[in-house]
Amino acid sequence: MTDEMEAIDEATQYRRKIDHTLARFSAAHDEMEAEEAKRRERRERLSPASLLESTRTALHRVVTTAPSPEEEAAELAAQTRLQEKKQRKIDQSARFGRIAAAVVAGLVFLGIGGAWGAQTYFDAKFTQVSALDENSADIQDAEAQANDENFLMVGSDTRDGASAEEGVGTADSTPGARSDTVMVAHIPADRKRVVVTSFPRDLEINRPECQRWDPAQSKTTDEKVPAQKIAKLNTAYAIGGPPCTTKVIQQITGLRINHFVGIDFNGFKEMVDAVHGVTVHNETPIDDTILGKVLLETGDVTISGDQALNFVRARHVKGDPTSDYGRIKRQQEFIGALLRKVMSSDVVLDPGKLSDFITAFAKATFGDNLGVKQMMTLAQSMKGLDPSKITFLTVPTVGLPNNRGNEVLVVSKTKTLFDALRNNTPLPDPNAPIPVSEQAPPTSTSKSKAGSSKSTTTSKKSGTTG
C-alpha cells in the first residue's frame, strides 16, 4: 500500500493506480461473496489474524491480475455502451408511457362522451311535465332536508293509447286519468337508508284547489277546480294531475318532493319483458275475482310483463283484508324486485337489455326532474344497501274504512313518521297503539276485520318480501 503523502514519481503513481484498482475490485469481491461472508459471520467471529490473511490474499490476487491500461480502456468502453443501451430503453419506456397515457386519456374521453351522449339521448325520450313546487309553504324543516331525495311515484291507469288486448281498458271505456299507486321513496342525504311509504288510493284527504289536468296533453289547463274538504286521494290526480298530487302529498308529509315519476299502465309490461322477467316473492296464490288467476305459484317466482301488470293491478284478490292494503304490499314487492333486477349485473352489463329497459321505461314514464341519472340514484340506493336498511311501509291509518268507504289517517302517528324522515332520526314503532281519540269507531261489519287489517300497516323490511 502507498502513502498519499509520499513524493509523487512514476513508481508512486503506478503503485497508487494499483491501490485504487485494489479498492475497486475488493468491493466487487465483497459483493459477490456477501452470502458466504454472512454464513461465516454466523459461524465465528473473525479474528485479526484471519482478517490480515484475507487482506494479503486479496492484495496478492489483485496485484498479480491487475489490468493493463488497454484492458481498463476496453472495460470503460463496455460500460459506456451498457449505459447508453440502458438509457435508450429508459427513453423508449418513457415514450411508450406517454403514448399509452394519451391512448387511455382518449378512451376515457370517448367513454365519458359516449355515456353523456347516451344519457342525453335517453333523457330526451322522457316526457317532462310540470309537477313540483319545491318552495311550497307546506314543506317543513327545509334545512334538515337539504340534499335529501324524495321521489313521488304515481302509477297512472290512463288508458290513452291502450288496446283492448292489453286488458287495462281503453280510453273510450275508461276515460280520464286515475292514480292507482301513490308512494314516496325517501333517500336521506347520507344515503344510509331508503324508506318507501305507500298511500292508499282511498285515503280521505282535504283536497286543495287545483288547476284541471288534461291527460291527453300532459299539462294543466286554465280551469280551476275548487277545494273539497272530504275527498279520496286518487281524485287529486284525476282532477289536477301531477301538480295537485304533489301538493296533497307535501301537505301530508311536509317533505320536499323533488322528483315526480308517473308510470302509465300502457307500455308498463314492456319494461319487465325488456329485462326478461322479474323475480318476486309470492306468499299466497293470487286469485282475483275480476282479473282471474293472476299468479298461483308461491315462493320466488319470475313473472313476465303480462303477469307483472296484473300482479300490481289486482285489487279484488280473494283473501285480501281490504282492496287497498293487499295491493299495496304487492306493489311494494314488485317495485323493489324491479329495481334490484335493473341494477343486477345481468342487466347493467348487458347493453342490449339495459338499452331496451331504458327505452321501455322512458316510453311508459313521465315526470318532473326525471331522467336516467335520477332513476339510477333511486335504483342504486335501493340496490346497494343492506336489505335491512330498506323499509317499505304504509302511511298510518286506522286500518278500517269509515262510513264513506275511505281510509282515515292517524294524524299523530303520521306526524311522528315524517318528522323522523325529515330529520333523519330512527323510525317510530309501526305497531305503537293508536291514540284512543283517533281510533275508528267499531261497527257491526268491521269488528271481524279489525285484527287482519291492523297488520297491513306494519313496516316491511325489504329482502325479497317487500
Protein backbone atom coordinates (compact mmCIF):
# COMPACT_ATOMS: atom_id res chain seq x y z
CA MET A 1 0.00 0.00 0.00
CA THR A 2 1.27 3.52 -0.68
CA ASP A 3 1.23 6.61 1.43
CA GLU A 4 -0.59 9.54 -0.16
CA MET A 5 2.00 11.89 1.40
CA GLU A 6 4.89 10.26 -0.46
CA ALA A 7 6.67 12.22 -3.18
CA ILE A 8 4.92 11.65 -6.46
CA ASP A 9 7.14 9.93 -9.00
CA GLU A 10 6.38 7.43 -11.74
CA ALA A 11 6.69 4.42 -9.45
CA THR A 12 4.46 6.01 -6.84
CA GLN A 13 1.81 6.82 -9.41
CA TYR A 14 1.87 3.20 -10.60
CA ARG A 15 1.52 1.91 -7.02
CA ARG A 16 -1.38 4.28 -6.36
CA LYS A 17 -3.08 3.02 -9.52
CA ILE A 18 -2.71 -0.48 -8.15
CA ASP A 19 -4.15 0.68 -4.80
CA HIS A 20 -7.19 2.21 -6.49
CA THR A 21 -7.71 -0.88 -8.62
CA LEU A 22 -7.39 -2.99 -5.48
CA ALA A 23 -10.09 -0.97 -3.74
CA ARG A 24 -12.44 -1.25 -6.73
CA PHE A 25 -12.03 -4.99 -7.15
CA SER A 26 -12.18 -5.60 -3.41
CA ALA A 27 -15.60 -4.02 -3.37
CA ALA A 28 -16.73 -6.22 -6.24
CA HIS A 29 -15.29 -9.24 -4.49
CA ASP A 30 -17.10 -8.40 -1.27
CA GLU A 31 -20.39 -8.10 -3.07
CA MET A 32 -20.06 -11.47 -4.84
CA GLU A 33 -19.15 -13.24 -1.62
CA ALA A 34 -21.74 -11.45 0.55
CA GLU A 35 -23.78 -14.54 1.21
CA GLU A 36 -20.72 -16.61 2.05
CA ALA A 37 -19.49 -13.90 4.39
CA LYS A 38 -22.83 -13.86 6.20
CA ARG A 39 -22.59 -17.59 6.79
CA ARG A 40 -19.03 -17.26 8.06
CA GLU A 41 -20.05 -14.47 10.40
CA ARG A 42 -22.72 -16.67 11.89
CA ARG A 43 -20.24 -19.48 12.50
CA GLU A 44 -17.50 -17.49 14.11
CA ARG A 45 -16.23 -14.05 14.72
CA LEU A 46 -13.34 -13.06 12.53
CA SER A 47 -10.00 -12.78 14.34
CA PRO A 48 -7.40 -10.09 13.49
CA ALA A 49 -5.16 -12.81 12.08
CA SER A 50 -7.74 -14.12 9.70
CA LEU A 51 -8.61 -10.60 8.61
CA LEU A 52 -4.93 -9.89 7.86
CA GLU A 53 -4.63 -13.13 5.91
CA SER A 54 -7.73 -12.29 3.89
CA THR A 55 -6.34 -8.87 3.07
CA ARG A 56 -2.98 -10.31 2.00
CA THR A 57 -4.71 -12.86 -0.22
CA ALA A 58 -6.87 -10.23 -1.87
CA LEU A 59 -3.85 -7.96 -2.37
CA HIS A 60 -1.88 -10.77 -3.99
CA ARG A 61 -4.74 -11.68 -6.30
CA VAL A 62 -5.31 -8.10 -7.40
CA VAL A 63 -1.61 -7.32 -7.86
CA THR A 64 -0.99 -10.44 -9.91
CA THR A 65 -4.12 -9.84 -12.03
CA ALA A 66 -4.06 -6.03 -12.27
CA PRO A 67 -5.42 -4.96 -15.68
CA SER A 68 -3.29 -3.23 -18.21
CA PRO A 69 -4.19 0.29 -19.43
CA GLU A 70 -5.60 -1.23 -22.63
CA GLU A 71 -7.85 -3.57 -20.62
CA GLU A 72 -9.09 -0.68 -18.49
CA ALA A 73 -9.91 1.29 -21.65
CA ALA A 74 -11.85 -1.66 -23.08
CA GLU A 75 -13.74 -2.07 -19.78
CA LEU A 76 -14.65 1.63 -19.76
CA ALA A 77 -15.90 1.43 -23.35
CA ALA A 78 -18.04 -1.60 -22.50
CA GLN A 79 -19.55 0.22 -19.51
CA THR A 80 -20.28 3.23 -21.71
CA ARG A 81 -22.07 1.06 -24.29
CA LEU A 82 -24.08 -0.61 -21.50
CA GLN A 83 -25.10 2.76 -20.06
CA GLU A 84 -26.12 4.04 -23.48
CA LYS A 85 -28.23 0.92 -24.09
CA LYS A 86 -29.88 1.32 -20.70
CA GLN A 87 -30.64 4.97 -21.42
CA ARG A 88 -32.21 4.05 -24.77
CA LYS A 89 -34.51 1.58 -23.00
CA ILE A 90 -35.47 4.24 -20.48
CA ASP A 91 -36.23 6.71 -23.29
CA GLN A 92 -38.28 4.10 -25.16
CA SER A 93 -40.24 3.25 -22.00
CA ALA A 94 -40.93 6.92 -21.38
CA ARG A 95 -42.18 7.39 -24.94
CA PHE A 96 -44.35 4.30 -24.68
CA GLY A 97 -45.73 5.55 -21.34
CA ARG A 98 -46.62 8.90 -22.87
CA ILE A 99 -48.31 7.20 -25.83
CA ALA A 100 -50.20 4.82 -23.53
CA ALA A 101 -51.32 7.71 -21.32
CA ALA A 102 -52.55 9.57 -24.38
CA VAL A 103 -54.48 6.50 -25.58
CA VAL A 104 -56.05 5.93 -22.14
CA ALA A 105 -56.97 9.61 -21.88
CA GLY A 106 -58.58 9.37 -25.30
CA LEU A 107 -60.55 6.29 -24.35
CA VAL A 108 -61.71 7.89 -21.10
CA PHE A 109 -62.74 10.99 -23.01
CA LEU A 110 -64.62 8.91 -25.56
CA GLY A 111 -66.19 6.82 -22.78
CA ILE A 112 -67.37 9.89 -20.91
CA GLY A 113 -68.56 11.45 -24.11
CA GLY A 114 -70.38 8.26 -25.05
CA ALA A 115 -72.00 7.94 -21.64
CA TRP A 116 -73.00 11.60 -21.72
CA GLY A 117 -74.33 11.20 -25.23
CA ALA A 118 -76.31 8.08 -24.27
CA GLN A 119 -77.75 9.82 -21.21
CA THR A 120 -78.72 12.83 -23.29
CA TYR A 121 -80.29 10.54 -25.89
CA PHE A 122 -82.37 8.62 -23.35
CA ASP A 123 -83.28 11.71 -21.32
CA ALA A 124 -84.78 13.19 -24.45
CA LYS A 125 -87.20 10.24 -24.56
CA PHE A 126 -88.77 11.04 -21.17
CA THR A 127 -91.98 13.06 -21.25
CA GLN A 128 -91.46 16.03 -18.97
CA VAL A 129 -94.40 17.53 -17.09
CA SER A 130 -94.65 20.31 -14.54
CA ALA A 131 -95.35 18.73 -11.15
CA LEU A 132 -93.02 20.15 -8.49
CA ASP A 133 -93.29 23.06 -6.08
CA GLU A 134 -90.07 23.00 -4.06
CA ASN A 135 -90.77 26.39 -2.49
CA SER A 136 -94.18 25.42 -1.13
CA ALA A 137 -95.16 26.68 2.31
CA ASP A 138 -96.20 23.08 3.10
CA ILE A 139 -92.54 21.97 3.24
CA GLN A 140 -91.31 21.61 6.83
CA ASP A 141 -87.76 21.55 8.23
CA ALA A 142 -86.40 22.71 4.88
CA GLU A 143 -82.79 22.99 6.10
CA ALA A 144 -82.86 19.46 7.52
CA GLN A 145 -83.95 18.19 4.10
CA ALA A 146 -81.04 19.70 2.20
CA ASN A 147 -79.65 17.14 -0.29
CA ASP A 148 -82.41 14.61 0.51
CA GLU A 149 -84.05 12.89 -2.47
CA ASN A 150 -87.82 12.40 -2.41
CA PHE A 151 -89.37 10.53 -5.35
CA LEU A 152 -93.15 10.76 -5.59
CA MET A 153 -94.14 7.75 -7.69
CA VAL A 154 -97.64 7.53 -9.14
CA GLY A 155 -98.96 4.59 -11.11
CA SER A 156 -101.48 6.11 -13.51
CA ASP A 157 -104.07 3.98 -15.23
CA THR A 158 -104.74 6.47 -18.02
CA ARG A 159 -105.96 4.33 -20.93
CA ASP A 160 -104.96 6.68 -23.76
CA GLY A 161 -103.32 4.56 -26.45
CA ALA A 162 -104.14 1.22 -24.81
CA SER A 163 -105.69 -1.60 -26.81
CA ALA A 164 -108.41 -3.95 -25.61
CA GLU A 165 -105.98 -6.88 -25.83
CA GLU A 166 -103.80 -5.39 -23.12
CA GLY A 167 -106.52 -5.96 -20.54
CA VAL A 168 -106.32 -2.50 -18.94
CA GLY A 169 -109.36 -0.97 -20.62
CA THR A 170 -109.41 1.71 -23.27
CA ALA A 171 -109.81 5.47 -23.32
CA ASP A 172 -113.39 5.02 -24.57
CA SER A 173 -114.40 2.55 -21.87
CA THR A 174 -112.49 4.22 -19.05
CA PRO A 175 -111.88 7.91 -19.85
CA GLY A 176 -109.76 10.30 -17.79
CA ALA A 177 -106.77 9.70 -15.52
CA ARG A 178 -106.57 7.83 -12.22
CA SER A 179 -103.74 7.18 -9.78
CA ASP A 180 -103.73 3.50 -8.88
CA THR A 181 -100.47 3.70 -6.93
CA VAL A 182 -99.08 6.54 -4.81
CA MET A 183 -95.82 6.12 -2.90
CA VAL A 184 -92.88 8.25 -1.79
CA ALA A 185 -89.30 6.92 -1.79
CA HIS A 186 -87.26 8.95 0.70
CA ILE A 187 -83.45 8.84 0.45
CA PRO A 188 -81.67 11.00 3.06
CA ALA A 189 -78.53 12.97 2.26
CA ASP A 190 -76.25 10.36 3.88
CA ARG A 191 -77.77 7.61 1.66
CA LYS A 192 -77.74 5.18 4.59
CA ARG A 193 -81.35 4.07 4.26
CA VAL A 194 -84.35 4.16 1.95
CA VAL A 195 -87.93 4.41 3.19
CA VAL A 196 -90.78 3.82 0.75
CA THR A 197 -94.17 4.93 2.07
CA SER A 198 -97.36 3.98 0.25
CA PHE A 199 -100.64 5.90 0.43
CA PRO A 200 -104.00 4.11 -0.05
CA ARG A 201 -105.84 5.35 -3.14
CA ASP A 202 -108.97 5.68 -0.96
CA LEU A 203 -107.22 7.75 1.72
CA GLU A 204 -109.55 10.52 2.87
CA ILE A 205 -107.97 13.92 2.26
CA ASN A 206 -108.75 17.62 2.29
CA ARG A 207 -108.13 18.34 -1.37
CA PRO A 208 -106.86 21.85 -2.15
CA GLU A 209 -107.86 23.98 -5.09
CA CYS A 210 -106.10 22.72 -8.21
CA GLN A 211 -105.95 23.50 -11.89
CA ARG A 212 -107.64 20.96 -14.14
CA TRP A 213 -105.28 18.35 -15.64
CA ASP A 214 -105.50 17.33 -19.28
CA PRO A 215 -104.01 13.80 -19.56
CA ALA A 216 -104.08 13.83 -23.35
CA GLN A 217 -101.85 16.95 -23.41
CA SER A 218 -99.94 16.10 -20.21
CA LYS A 219 -100.45 19.58 -18.81
CA THR A 220 -102.81 21.66 -16.71
CA THR A 221 -105.49 23.91 -18.16
CA ASP A 222 -106.63 27.34 -17.04
CA GLU A 223 -109.70 25.88 -15.31
CA LYS A 224 -109.52 25.89 -11.51
CA VAL A 225 -111.26 23.12 -9.55
CA PRO A 226 -112.45 24.28 -6.11
CA ALA A 227 -111.08 22.72 -2.94
CA GLN A 228 -113.01 19.84 -1.36
CA LYS A 229 -112.80 19.06 2.35
CA ILE A 230 -113.68 15.38 2.06
CA ALA A 231 -112.30 13.54 -0.96
CA LYS A 232 -110.36 10.42 -1.88
CA LEU A 233 -106.63 10.71 -2.58
CA ASN A 234 -106.94 9.40 -6.13
CA THR A 235 -109.27 12.29 -7.00
CA ALA A 236 -106.32 14.66 -6.64
CA TYR A 237 -104.71 13.08 -9.69
CA ALA A 238 -107.99 12.68 -11.56
CA ILE A 239 -108.74 16.39 -11.08
CA GLY A 240 -105.35 18.09 -11.03
CA GLY A 241 -102.82 15.52 -12.24
CA PRO A 242 -99.19 15.53 -11.02
CA PRO A 243 -99.15 19.11 -9.59
CA CYS A 244 -102.24 18.52 -7.45
CA THR A 245 -100.99 15.13 -6.23
CA THR A 246 -97.63 16.65 -5.28
CA LYS A 247 -99.40 19.42 -3.37
CA VAL A 248 -101.50 16.93 -1.38
CA ILE A 249 -98.53 14.69 -0.51
CA GLN A 250 -96.42 17.68 0.60
CA GLN A 251 -99.30 18.80 2.84
CA ILE A 252 -99.50 15.35 4.46
CA THR A 253 -95.77 14.70 4.80
CA GLY A 254 -94.01 18.07 4.94
CA LEU A 255 -91.39 16.53 2.61
CA ARG A 256 -89.84 18.48 -0.22
CA ILE A 257 -90.82 16.42 -3.25
CA ASN A 258 -88.00 16.97 -5.76
CA HIS A 259 -88.76 14.17 -8.25
CA PHE A 260 -92.09 13.16 -9.75
CA VAL A 261 -92.37 9.81 -11.52
CA GLY A 262 -95.57 8.86 -13.30
CA ILE A 263 -95.90 5.43 -14.92
CA ASP A 264 -98.73 4.53 -17.31
CA PHE A 265 -100.12 1.00 -17.42
CA ASN A 266 -99.99 1.34 -21.20
CA GLY A 267 -96.49 0.09 -22.04
CA PHE A 268 -95.69 -0.91 -18.44
CA LYS A 269 -95.25 -4.58 -19.23
CA GLU A 270 -92.59 -3.77 -21.84
CA MET A 271 -90.20 -2.74 -19.04
CA VAL A 272 -90.46 -6.18 -17.47
CA ASP A 273 -90.10 -8.01 -20.77
CA ALA A 274 -87.04 -5.85 -21.62
CA VAL A 275 -85.14 -7.38 -18.68
CA HIS A 276 -86.54 -10.88 -19.40
CA GLY A 277 -88.80 -11.03 -16.36
CA VAL A 278 -88.66 -10.02 -12.70
CA THR A 279 -88.48 -12.36 -9.71
CA VAL A 280 -90.97 -11.63 -6.92
CA HIS A 281 -91.68 -13.46 -3.70
CA ASN A 282 -95.30 -14.55 -3.70
CA GLU A 283 -96.58 -15.71 -0.32
CA THR A 284 -100.05 -16.92 -1.31
CA PRO A 285 -101.80 -17.66 -4.63
CA ILE A 286 -103.33 -14.56 -6.22
CA ASP A 287 -106.84 -15.27 -7.48
CA ASP A 288 -108.66 -12.08 -8.43
CA THR A 289 -112.42 -12.07 -8.95
CA ILE A 290 -112.02 -9.60 -11.84
CA LEU A 291 -108.64 -10.45 -13.38
CA GLY A 292 -108.79 -14.18 -12.73
CA LYS A 293 -105.91 -16.39 -11.60
CA VAL A 294 -103.07 -13.86 -11.62
CA LEU A 295 -100.30 -15.95 -10.03
CA LEU A 296 -100.87 -19.33 -8.43
CA GLU A 297 -97.22 -20.27 -7.78
CA THR A 298 -95.75 -19.36 -4.40
CA GLY A 299 -92.22 -18.61 -3.27
CA ASP A 300 -89.73 -16.91 -5.60
CA VAL A 301 -91.42 -16.69 -8.99
CA THR A 302 -90.17 -15.00 -12.17
CA ILE A 303 -93.05 -13.19 -13.84
CA SER A 304 -93.43 -11.78 -17.36
CA GLY A 305 -94.76 -8.39 -18.35
CA ASP A 306 -98.38 -9.52 -18.63
CA GLN A 307 -98.23 -11.21 -15.23
CA ALA A 308 -96.50 -8.20 -13.66
CA LEU A 309 -99.21 -5.87 -14.92
CA ASN A 310 -101.93 -7.89 -13.23
CA PHE A 311 -99.73 -8.50 -10.18
CA VAL A 312 -99.68 -4.79 -9.33
CA ARG A 313 -103.23 -4.02 -10.51
CA ALA A 314 -105.13 -6.79 -8.71
CA ARG A 315 -107.42 -5.27 -6.07
CA HIS A 316 -110.17 -7.89 -5.78
CA VAL A 317 -107.98 -10.76 -4.57
CA LYS A 318 -109.63 -13.49 -2.55
CA GLY A 319 -108.30 -13.37 1.00
CA ASP A 320 -107.06 -9.75 0.94
CA PRO A 321 -108.15 -7.90 4.10
CA THR A 322 -109.03 -4.81 2.03
CA SER A 323 -108.79 -3.95 -1.65
CA ASP A 324 -106.03 -1.41 -0.97
CA TYR A 325 -103.64 -3.00 1.51
CA GLY A 326 -103.08 -6.30 -0.27
CA ARG A 327 -102.37 -4.48 -3.50
CA ILE A 328 -100.02 -2.00 -1.77
CA LYS A 329 -97.97 -4.90 -0.42
CA ARG A 330 -97.68 -6.45 -3.90
CA GLN A 331 -96.78 -3.12 -5.48
CA GLN A 332 -94.04 -2.55 -2.94
CA GLU A 333 -92.69 -6.05 -3.52
CA PHE A 334 -92.69 -5.54 -7.26
CA ILE A 335 -91.01 -2.09 -7.22
CA GLY A 336 -88.17 -3.44 -5.07
CA ALA A 337 -87.80 -6.53 -7.27
CA LEU A 338 -87.77 -4.49 -10.50
CA LEU A 339 -85.11 -2.08 -9.24
CA ARG A 340 -82.95 -4.94 -8.00
CA LYS A 341 -83.21 -6.64 -11.41
CA VAL A 342 -82.34 -3.47 -13.31
CA MET A 343 -79.24 -2.89 -11.16
CA SER A 344 -78.10 -6.51 -11.36
CA SER A 345 -75.07 -7.46 -13.45
CA ASP A 346 -77.44 -9.43 -15.68
CA VAL A 347 -78.88 -6.12 -16.92
CA VAL A 348 -76.24 -3.46 -16.20
CA LEU A 349 -73.53 -5.42 -18.03
CA ASP A 350 -75.81 -6.27 -20.95
CA PRO A 351 -76.04 -3.19 -23.21
CA GLY A 352 -78.98 -4.68 -25.10
CA LYS A 353 -81.12 -5.32 -22.03
CA LEU A 354 -80.20 -2.02 -20.38
CA SER A 355 -80.96 -0.05 -23.53
CA ASP A 356 -84.26 -1.88 -24.05
CA PHE A 357 -85.29 -1.25 -20.43
CA ILE A 358 -84.47 2.46 -20.50
CA THR A 359 -86.31 2.82 -23.81
CA ALA A 360 -89.38 0.99 -22.46
CA PHE A 361 -89.23 2.90 -19.18
CA ALA A 362 -88.97 6.26 -20.92
CA LYS A 363 -91.86 5.33 -23.21
CA ALA A 364 -94.16 4.47 -20.30
CA THR A 365 -92.95 7.20 -17.94
CA PHE A 366 -93.45 10.92 -17.49
CA GLY A 367 -92.28 13.21 -14.75
CA ASP A 368 -90.56 16.28 -13.41
CA ASN A 369 -86.81 16.37 -12.67
CA LEU A 370 -86.72 12.89 -14.14
CA GLY A 371 -84.07 11.24 -16.27
CA VAL A 372 -81.53 8.44 -16.39
CA LYS A 373 -79.33 9.99 -13.68
CA GLN A 374 -82.22 10.49 -11.24
CA MET A 375 -83.60 6.99 -11.71
CA MET A 376 -80.13 5.47 -11.32
CA THR A 377 -79.83 7.34 -8.00
CA LEU A 378 -83.02 5.66 -6.80
CA ALA A 379 -82.08 2.22 -8.17
CA GLN A 380 -78.50 2.32 -6.87
CA SER A 381 -79.67 3.45 -3.42
CA MET A 382 -82.07 0.53 -3.17
CA LYS A 383 -79.67 -1.98 -4.67
CA GLY A 384 -76.52 -1.04 -2.76
CA LEU A 385 -77.97 -1.01 0.74
CA ASP A 386 -78.28 -3.92 3.10
CA PRO A 387 -81.87 -5.20 2.82
CA SER A 388 -82.46 -4.29 6.47
CA LYS A 389 -81.88 -0.64 5.55
CA ILE A 390 -84.72 -0.56 3.01
CA THR A 391 -88.10 -0.15 4.64
CA PHE A 392 -91.46 -0.45 2.92
CA LEU A 393 -94.44 0.77 4.92
CA THR A 394 -97.89 2.26 4.58
CA VAL A 395 -98.87 5.66 5.91
CA PRO A 396 -100.56 5.12 9.31
CA THR A 397 -104.33 4.72 9.07
CA VAL A 398 -106.91 3.34 11.46
CA GLY A 399 -106.97 0.19 9.31
CA LEU A 400 -110.69 0.21 8.59
CA PRO A 401 -112.71 2.29 6.11
CA ASN A 402 -115.14 4.82 7.53
CA ASN A 403 -118.81 5.01 6.60
CA ARG A 404 -117.84 6.82 3.39
CA GLY A 405 -115.59 3.91 2.36
CA ASN A 406 -112.43 5.96 2.91
CA GLU A 407 -109.25 5.11 4.80
CA VAL A 408 -108.66 7.51 7.69
CA LEU A 409 -105.22 8.90 8.51
CA VAL A 410 -103.86 8.61 12.06
CA VAL A 411 -102.59 12.18 12.26
CA SER A 412 -100.35 11.80 15.33
CA LYS A 413 -98.53 8.72 14.03
CA THR A 414 -98.22 10.25 10.57
CA LYS A 415 -96.59 13.35 12.04
CA THR A 416 -94.13 11.23 14.05
CA LEU A 417 -93.21 9.18 10.97
CA PHE A 418 -92.47 12.10 8.68
CA ASP A 419 -90.73 14.08 11.41
CA ALA A 420 -88.31 11.14 11.61
CA LEU A 421 -87.82 11.10 7.83
CA ARG A 422 -87.23 14.83 7.52
CA ASN A 423 -84.73 14.88 10.39
CA ASN A 424 -83.14 11.51 9.61
CA THR A 425 -83.84 10.06 13.04
CA PRO A 426 -84.90 6.48 13.92
CA LEU A 427 -88.28 5.43 12.58
CA PRO A 428 -91.11 5.11 15.10
CA ASP A 429 -92.53 1.74 16.07
CA PRO A 430 -95.21 0.98 13.46
CA ASN A 431 -97.04 -1.19 15.99
CA ALA A 432 -97.39 1.59 18.56
CA PRO A 433 -101.03 1.84 19.69
CA ILE A 434 -103.32 4.34 18.04
CA PRO A 435 -104.45 7.10 20.41
CA VAL A 436 -107.98 6.48 21.59
CA SER A 437 -109.13 9.78 20.14
CA GLU A 438 -108.10 8.65 16.65
CA GLN A 439 -109.31 5.07 16.73
CA ALA A 440 -112.05 4.06 14.31
CA PRO A 441 -115.45 3.62 15.98
CA PRO A 442 -116.41 -0.08 15.87
CA THR A 443 -119.23 -1.13 13.58
CA SER A 444 -121.02 -4.43 13.23
CA THR A 445 -119.46 -5.06 9.81
CA SER A 446 -115.90 -4.11 10.69
CA LYS A 447 -115.30 -5.84 14.04
CA SER A 448 -114.39 -9.13 12.38
CA LYS A 449 -111.84 -7.45 10.12
CA ALA A 450 -110.06 -5.39 12.76
CA GLY A 451 -107.41 -7.96 13.56
CA SER A 452 -106.37 -8.70 9.99
CA SER A 453 -106.49 -5.08 8.84
CA LYS A 454 -104.21 -3.84 11.58
CA SER A 455 -101.30 -5.98 10.39
CA THR A 456 -101.28 -4.41 6.96
CA THR A 457 -99.90 -1.13 8.29
CA THR A 458 -96.83 -2.79 9.76
CA SER A 459 -93.42 -1.69 8.43
CA LYS A 460 -91.90 -4.12 5.95
CA LYS A 461 -88.17 -4.71 5.65
CA SER A 462 -87.29 -5.44 2.04
CA GLY A 463 -85.28 -8.53 1.38
CA THR A 464 -87.35 -10.37 -1.13
CA THR A 465 -90.72 -9.97 0.53
CA GLY A 466 -91.20 -6.18 0.37
